[in-house]
């Protein structure tokens, strides 16, 4: 998250995406609207250079493996 300069809220959204949550579930967990979740995801995708959740998960898992 730090490497890609994600905000605290974007990091919260990313963490929930990694847990397999969908947009409505993320919105409910963070007490924000689904549209706000979509905006955060758009920003995350842009900052991390991906266009899908699958690509996002690949990058997150690859980075996690590098840390171990």
PDB file of N, CA and C in Angstrom:
ATOM      1  N   UNK A   1       0.831  -1.199   0.000  1.00  0.00           N
ATOM      2  CA  UNK A   1       0.000   0.000   0.000  1.00  0.00           C
ATOM      3  C   UNK A   1       0.874   1.261   0.000  1.00  0.00           C
ATOM      4  N   UNK A   2       1.918   1.256   0.838  1.00  0.00           N
ATOM      5  CA  UNK A   2       2.790   2.438   0.895  1.00  0.00           C
ATOM      6  C   UNK A   2       3.509   2.636  -0.427  1.00  0.00           C
ATOM      7  N   UNK A   3       3.979   1.545  -1.014  1.00  0.00           N
ATOM      8  CA  UNK A   3       4.723   1.621  -2.268  1.00  0.00           C
ATOM      9  C   UNK A   3       3.899   2.291  -3.366  1.00  0.00           C
ATOM     10  N   UNK A   4       2.595   2.043  -3.353  1.00  0.00           N
ATOM     11  CA  UNK A   4       1.717   2.597  -4.386  1.00  0.00           C
ATOM     12  C   UNK A   4       1.008   3.868  -3.926  1.00  0.00           C
ATOM     13  N   UNK A   5       1.372   4.342  -2.747  1.00  0.00           N
ATOM     14  CA  UNK A   5       0.822   5.583  -2.197  1.00  0.00           C
ATOM     15  C   UNK A   5      -0.695   5.548  -2.051  1.00  0.00           C
ATOM     16  N   UNK A   6      -1.189   4.415  -1.552  1.00  0.00           N
ATOM     17  CA  UNK A   6      -2.623   4.320  -1.294  1.00  0.00           C
ATOM     18  C   UNK A   6      -2.961   5.080  -0.021  1.00  0.00           C
ATOM     19  N   UNK A   7      -4.119   5.700  -0.026  1.00  0.00           N
ATOM     20  CA  UNK A   7      -4.594   6.371   1.177  1.00  0.00           C
ATOM     21  C   UNK A   7      -5.009   5.320   2.201  1.00  0.00           C
ATOM     22  N   UNK A   8      -5.257   5.773   3.412  1.00  0.00           N
ATOM     23  CA  UNK A   8      -5.711   4.857   4.460  1.00  0.00           C
ATOM     24  C   UNK A   8      -7.017   4.184   4.031  1.00  0.00           C
ATOM     25  N   UNK A   9      -7.927   4.946   3.484  1.00  0.00           N
ATOM     26  CA  UNK A   9      -9.226   4.397   3.080  1.00  0.00           C
ATOM     27  C   UNK A   9      -9.075   3.433   1.906  1.00  0.00           C
ATOM     28  N   UNK A  10      -8.209   3.764   0.953  1.00  0.00           N
ATOM     29  CA  UNK A  10      -7.957   2.850  -0.165  1.00  0.00           C
ATOM     30  C   UNK A  10      -7.361   1.540   0.346  1.00  0.00           C
ATOM     31  N   UNK A  11      -6.507   1.640   1.348  1.00  0.00           N
ATOM     32  CA  UNK A  11      -5.923   0.447   1.959  1.00  0.00           C
ATOM     33  C   UNK A  11      -6.999  -0.389   2.635  1.00  0.00           C
ATOM     34  N   UNK A  12      -7.951   0.269   3.292  1.00  0.00           N
ATOM     35  CA  UNK A  12      -9.079  -0.445   3.909  1.00  0.00           C
ATOM     36  C   UNK A  12      -9.870  -1.200   2.844  1.00  0.00           C
ATOM     37  N   UNK A  13     -10.150  -0.538   1.737  1.00  0.00           N
ATOM     38  CA  UNK A  13     -10.899  -1.161   0.639  1.00  0.00           C
ATOM     39  C   UNK A  13     -10.098  -2.336   0.081  1.00  0.00           C
ATOM     40  N   UNK A  14      -8.819  -2.143  -0.144  1.00  0.00           N
ATOM     41  CA  UNK A  14      -7.964  -3.204  -0.675  1.00  0.00           C
ATOM     42  C   UNK A  14      -7.965  -4.426   0.248  1.00  0.00           C
ATOM     43  N   UNK A  15      -7.873  -4.188   1.534  1.00  0.00           N
ATOM     44  CA  UNK A  15      -7.865  -5.275   2.505  1.00  0.00           C
ATOM     45  C   UNK A  15      -9.158  -6.100   2.396  1.00  0.00           C
ATOM     46  N   UNK A  16     -10.285  -5.413   2.246  1.00  0.00           N
ATOM     47  CA  UNK A  16     -11.572  -6.117   2.139  1.00  0.00           C
ATOM     48  C   UNK A  16     -11.701  -6.842   0.796  1.00  0.00           C
ATOM     49  N   UNK A  17     -11.171  -6.257  -0.265  1.00  0.00           N
ATOM     50  CA  UNK A  17     -11.160  -6.940  -1.564  1.00  0.00           C
ATOM     51  C   UNK A  17     -10.374  -8.244  -1.434  1.00  0.00           C
ATOM     52  N   UNK A  18      -9.246  -8.177  -0.742  1.00  0.00           N
ATOM     53  CA  UNK A  18      -8.406  -9.366  -0.549  1.00  0.00           C
ATOM     54  C   UNK A  18      -9.100 -10.438   0.284  1.00  0.00           C
ATOM     55  N   UNK A  19     -10.077 -10.026   1.075  1.00  0.00           N
ATOM     56  CA  UNK A  19     -10.866 -10.977   1.864  1.00  0.00           C
ATOM     57  C   UNK A  19     -12.025 -11.562   1.052  1.00  0.00           C
ATOM     58  N   UNK A  20     -12.131 -11.127  -0.214  1.00  0.00           N
ATOM     59  CA  UNK A  20     -13.166 -11.661  -1.093  1.00  0.00           C
ATOM     60  C   UNK A  20     -14.495 -10.943  -1.018  1.00  0.00           C
ATOM     61  N   UNK A  21     -14.519  -9.769  -0.398  1.00  0.00           N
ATOM     62  CA  UNK A  21     -15.773  -9.015  -0.272  1.00  0.00           C
ATOM     63  C   UNK A  21     -16.133  -8.356  -1.603  1.00  0.00           C
ATOM     64  N   UNK A  22     -17.442  -8.256  -1.867  1.00  0.00           N
ATOM     65  CA  UNK A  22     -17.895  -7.535  -3.052  1.00  0.00           C
ATOM     66  C   UNK A  22     -18.173  -6.074  -2.671  1.00  0.00           C
ATOM     67  N   UNK A  23     -18.496  -5.257  -3.652  1.00  0.00           N
ATOM     68  CA  UNK A  23     -18.668  -3.822  -3.399  1.00  0.00           C
ATOM     69  C   UNK A  23     -19.724  -3.504  -2.333  1.00  0.00           C
ATOM     70  N   UNK A  24     -20.912  -4.118  -2.396  1.00  0.00           N
ATOM     71  CA  UNK A  24     -21.896  -3.824  -1.339  1.00  0.00           C
ATOM     72  C   UNK A  24     -21.409  -4.231   0.060  1.00  0.00           C
ATOM     73  N   UNK A  25     -20.699  -5.347   0.144  1.00  0.00           N
ATOM     74  CA  UNK A  25     -20.167  -5.780   1.448  1.00  0.00           C
ATOM     75  C   UNK A  25     -19.101  -4.816   1.968  1.00  0.00           C
ATOM     76  N   UNK A  26     -18.266  -4.335   1.057  1.00  0.00           N
ATOM     77  CA  UNK A  26     -17.238  -3.359   1.440  1.00  0.00           C
ATOM     78  C   UNK A  26     -17.900  -2.070   1.909  1.00  0.00           C
ATOM     79  N   UNK A  27     -18.897  -1.615   1.171  1.00  0.00           N
ATOM     80  CA  UNK A  27     -19.616  -0.394   1.531  1.00  0.00           C
ATOM     81  C   UNK A  27     -20.222  -0.512   2.924  1.00  0.00           C
ATOM     82  N   UNK A  28     -20.839  -1.643   3.197  1.00  0.00           N
ATOM     83  CA  UNK A  28     -21.465  -1.849   4.497  1.00  0.00           C
ATOM     84  C   UNK A  28     -20.418  -1.880   5.617  1.00  0.00           C
ATOM     85  N   UNK A  29     -19.318  -2.564   5.372  1.00  0.00           N
ATOM     86  CA  UNK A  29     -18.270  -2.689   6.396  1.00  0.00           C
ATOM     87  C   UNK A  29     -17.624  -1.347   6.730  1.00  0.00           C
ATOM     88  N   UNK A  30     -17.504  -0.485   5.721  1.00  0.00           N
ATOM     89  CA  UNK A  30     -16.825   0.802   5.922  1.00  0.00           C
ATOM     90  C   UNK A  30     -17.794   1.980   6.097  1.00  0.00           C
ATOM     91  N   UNK A  31     -19.094   1.678   6.085  1.00  0.00           N
ATOM     92  CA  UNK A  31     -20.122   2.721   6.246  1.00  0.00           C
ATOM     93  C   UNK A  31     -19.997   3.822   5.186  1.00  0.00           C
ATOM     94  N   UNK A  32     -19.818   3.368   3.925  1.00  0.00           N
ATOM     95  CA  UNK A  32     -19.742   4.289   2.792  1.00  0.00           C
ATOM     96  C   UNK A  32     -20.671   3.760   1.704  1.00  0.00           C
ATOM     97  N   UNK A  33     -20.916   4.573   0.679  1.00  0.00           N
ATOM     98  CA  UNK A  33     -21.797   4.134  -0.404  1.00  0.00           C
ATOM     99  C   UNK A  33     -21.041   3.225  -1.374  1.00  0.00           C
ATOM    100  N   UNK A  34     -21.801   2.468  -2.140  1.00  0.00           N
ATOM    101  CA  UNK A  34     -21.203   1.602  -3.160  1.00  0.00           C
ATOM    102  C   UNK A  34     -20.460   2.459  -4.187  1.00  0.00           C
ATOM    103  N   UNK A  35     -21.012   3.633  -4.507  1.00  0.00           N
ATOM    104  CA  UNK A  35     -20.327   4.517  -5.451  1.00  0.00           C
ATOM    105  C   UNK A  35     -18.975   4.976  -4.914  1.00  0.00           C
ATOM    106  N   UNK A  36     -18.880   5.190  -3.617  1.00  0.00           N
ATOM    107  CA  UNK A  36     -17.603   5.575  -3.018  1.00  0.00           C
ATOM    108  C   UNK A  36     -16.622   4.411  -3.082  1.00  0.00           C
ATOM    109  N   UNK A  37     -17.101   3.204  -2.871  1.00  0.00           N
ATOM    110  CA  UNK A  37     -16.247   2.012  -3.015  1.00  0.00           C
ATOM    111  C   UNK A  37     -15.704   1.954  -4.443  1.00  0.00           C
ATOM    112  N   UNK A  38     -16.580   2.166  -5.421  1.00  0.00           N
ATOM    113  CA  UNK A  38     -16.159   2.129  -6.827  1.00  0.00           C
ATOM    114  C   UNK A  38     -15.093   3.178  -7.101  1.00  0.00           C
ATOM    115  N   UNK A  39     -15.252   4.363  -6.533  1.00  0.00           N
ATOM    116  CA  UNK A  39     -14.273   5.435  -6.724  1.00  0.00           C
ATOM    117  C   UNK A  39     -12.928   5.036  -6.116  1.00  0.00           C
ATOM    118  N   UNK A  40     -12.958   4.469  -4.908  1.00  0.00           N
ATOM    119  CA  UNK A  40     -11.716   4.018  -4.280  1.00  0.00           C
ATOM    120  C   UNK A  40     -11.059   2.921  -5.124  1.00  0.00           C
ATOM    121  N   UNK A  41     -11.849   1.987  -5.628  1.00  0.00           N
ATOM    122  CA  UNK A  41     -11.298   0.919  -6.458  1.00  0.00           C
ATOM    123  C   UNK A  41     -10.687   1.465  -7.739  1.00  0.00           C
ATOM    124  N   UNK A  42     -11.343   2.442  -8.336  1.00  0.00           N
ATOM    125  CA  UNK A  42     -10.803   3.082  -9.542  1.00  0.00           C
ATOM    126  C   UNK A  42      -9.437   3.681  -9.239  1.00  0.00           C
ATOM    127  N   UNK A  43      -9.331   4.374  -8.103  1.00  0.00           N
ATOM    128  CA  UNK A  43      -8.061   4.980  -7.715  1.00  0.00           C
ATOM    129  C   UNK A  43      -6.996   3.924  -7.432  1.00  0.00           C
ATOM    130  N   UNK A  44      -7.388   2.848  -6.755  1.00  0.00           N
ATOM    131  CA  UNK A  44      -6.456   1.752  -6.453  1.00  0.00           C
ATOM    132  C   UNK A  44      -5.947   1.132  -7.753  1.00  0.00           C
ATOM    133  N   UNK A  45      -6.861   0.827  -8.666  1.00  0.00           N
ATOM    134  CA  UNK A  45      -6.472   0.224  -9.947  1.00  0.00           C
ATOM    135  C   UNK A  45      -5.493   1.136 -10.679  1.00  0.00           C
ATOM    136  N   UNK A  46      -5.791   2.418 -10.697  1.00  0.00           N
ATOM    137  CA  UNK A  46      -4.938   3.382 -11.394  1.00  0.00           C
ATOM    138  C   UNK A  46      -3.547   3.437 -10.759  1.00  0.00           C
ATOM    139  N   UNK A  47      -3.499   3.541  -9.451  1.00  0.00           N
ATOM    140  CA  UNK A  47      -2.220   3.640  -8.746  1.00  0.00           C
ATOM    141  C   UNK A  47      -1.385   2.368  -8.868  1.00  0.00           C
ATOM    142  N   UNK A  48      -2.055   1.220  -8.943  1.00  0.00           N
ATOM    143  CA  UNK A  48      -1.338  -0.052  -8.990  1.00  0.00           C
ATOM    144  C   UNK A  48      -1.160  -0.577 -10.414  1.00  0.00           C
ATOM    145  N   UNK A  49      -1.711   0.155 -11.386  1.00  0.00           N
ATOM    146  CA  UNK A  49      -1.514  -0.203 -12.789  1.00  0.00           C
ATOM    147  C   UNK A  49      -2.228  -1.477 -13.212  1.00  0.00           C
ATOM    148  N   UNK A  50      -3.428  -1.694 -12.672  1.00  0.00           N
ATOM    149  CA  UNK A  50      -4.224  -2.868 -13.039  1.00  0.00           C
ATOM    150  C   UNK A  50      -5.596  -2.421 -13.518  1.00  0.00           C
ATOM    151  N   UNK A  51      -6.329  -3.366 -14.116  1.00  0.00           N
ATOM    152  CA  UNK A  51      -7.670  -3.007 -14.580  1.00  0.00           C
ATOM    153  C   UNK A  51      -8.745  -3.970 -14.073  1.00  0.00           C
ATOM    154  N   UNK A  52      -8.339  -5.012 -13.350  1.00  0.00           N
ATOM    155  CA  UNK A  52      -9.326  -5.946 -12.811  1.00  0.00           C
ATOM    156  C   UNK A  52      -8.946  -6.358 -11.387  1.00  0.00           C
ATOM    157  N   UNK A  53      -9.923  -6.889 -10.664  1.00  0.00           N
ATOM    158  CA  UNK A  53      -9.652  -7.404  -9.315  1.00  0.00           C
ATOM    159  C   UNK A  53      -8.678  -8.578  -9.382  1.00  0.00           C
ATOM    160  N   UNK A  54      -8.774  -9.372 -10.441  1.00  0.00           N
ATOM    161  CA  UNK A  54      -7.887 -10.527 -10.590  1.00  0.00           C
ATOM    162  C   UNK A  54      -6.430 -10.067 -10.679  1.00  0.00           C
ATOM    163  N   UNK A  55      -6.178  -9.052 -11.478  1.00  0.00           N
ATOM    164  CA  UNK A  55      -4.814  -8.514 -11.581  1.00  0.00           C
ATOM    165  C   UNK A  55      -4.366  -7.932 -10.239  1.00  0.00           C
ATOM    166  N   UNK A  56      -5.275  -7.254  -9.573  1.00  0.00           N
ATOM    167  CA  UNK A  56      -4.976  -6.658  -8.275  1.00  0.00           C
ATOM    168  C   UNK A  56      -4.566  -7.743  -7.282  1.00  0.00           C
ATOM    169  N   UNK A  57      -5.332  -8.822  -7.231  1.00  0.00           N
ATOM    170  CA  UNK A  57      -5.024  -9.916  -6.313  1.00  0.00           C
ATOM    171  C   UNK A  57      -3.686 -10.568  -6.655  1.00  0.00           C
ATOM    172  N   UNK A  58      -3.386 -10.674  -7.940  1.00  0.00           N
ATOM    173  CA  UNK A  58      -2.111 -11.252  -8.360  1.00  0.00           C
ATOM    174  C   UNK A  58      -0.950 -10.419  -7.818  1.00  0.00           C
ATOM    175  N   UNK A  59      -1.040  -9.107  -7.975  1.00  0.00           N
ATOM    176  CA  UNK A  59       0.022  -8.211  -7.495  1.00  0.00           C
ATOM    177  C   UNK A  59       0.144  -8.283  -5.979  1.00  0.00           C
ATOM    178  N   UNK A  60      -0.973  -8.239  -5.292  1.00  0.00           N
ATOM    179  CA  UNK A  60      -0.948  -8.282  -3.821  1.00  0.00           C
ATOM    180  C   UNK A  60      -0.339  -9.597  -3.341  1.00  0.00           C
ATOM    181  N   UNK A  61      -0.752 -10.701  -3.940  1.00  0.00           N
ATOM    182  CA  UNK A  61      -0.218 -12.004  -3.533  1.00  0.00           C
ATOM    183  C   UNK A  61       1.258 -12.145  -3.885  1.00  0.00           C
ATOM    184  N   UNK A  62       1.668 -11.607  -5.004  1.00  0.00           N
ATOM    185  CA  UNK A  62       3.078 -11.670  -5.404  1.00  0.00           C
ATOM    186  C   UNK A  62       3.941 -10.872  -4.428  1.00  0.00           C
ATOM    187  N   UNK A  63       3.464  -9.681  -4.063  1.00  0.00           N
ATOM    188  CA  UNK A  63       4.204  -8.840  -3.110  1.00  0.00           C
ATOM    189  C   UNK A  63       4.268  -9.522  -1.754  1.00  0.00           C
ATOM    190  N   UNK A  64       3.167 -10.165  -1.353  1.00  0.00           N
ATOM    191  CA  UNK A  64       3.130 -10.854  -0.061  1.00  0.00           C
ATOM    192  C   UNK A  64       4.141 -11.998  -0.052  1.00  0.00           C
ATOM    193  N   UNK A  65       4.252 -12.725  -1.157  1.00  0.00           N
ATOM    194  CA  UNK A  65       5.222 -13.815  -1.249  1.00  0.00           C
ATOM    195  C   UNK A  65       6.655 -13.288  -1.182  1.00  0.00           C
ATOM    196  N   UNK A  66       6.909 -12.119  -1.779  1.00  0.00           N
ATOM    197  CA  UNK A  66       8.251 -11.527  -1.752  1.00  0.00           C
ATOM    198  C   UNK A  66       8.660 -11.140  -0.342  1.00  0.00           C
ATOM    199  N   UNK A  67       7.692 -10.740   0.468  1.00  0.00           N
ATOM    200  CA  UNK A  67       7.982 -10.314   1.842  1.00  0.00           C
ATOM    201  C   UNK A  67       8.355 -11.519   2.696  1.00  0.00           C
ATOM    202  N   UNK A  68       7.736 -12.649   2.450  1.00  0.00           N
ATOM    203  CA  UNK A  68       7.988 -13.861   3.251  1.00  0.00           C
ATOM    204  C   UNK A  68       9.302 -14.427   2.925  1.00  0.00           C
TER     205      UNK A  68
END
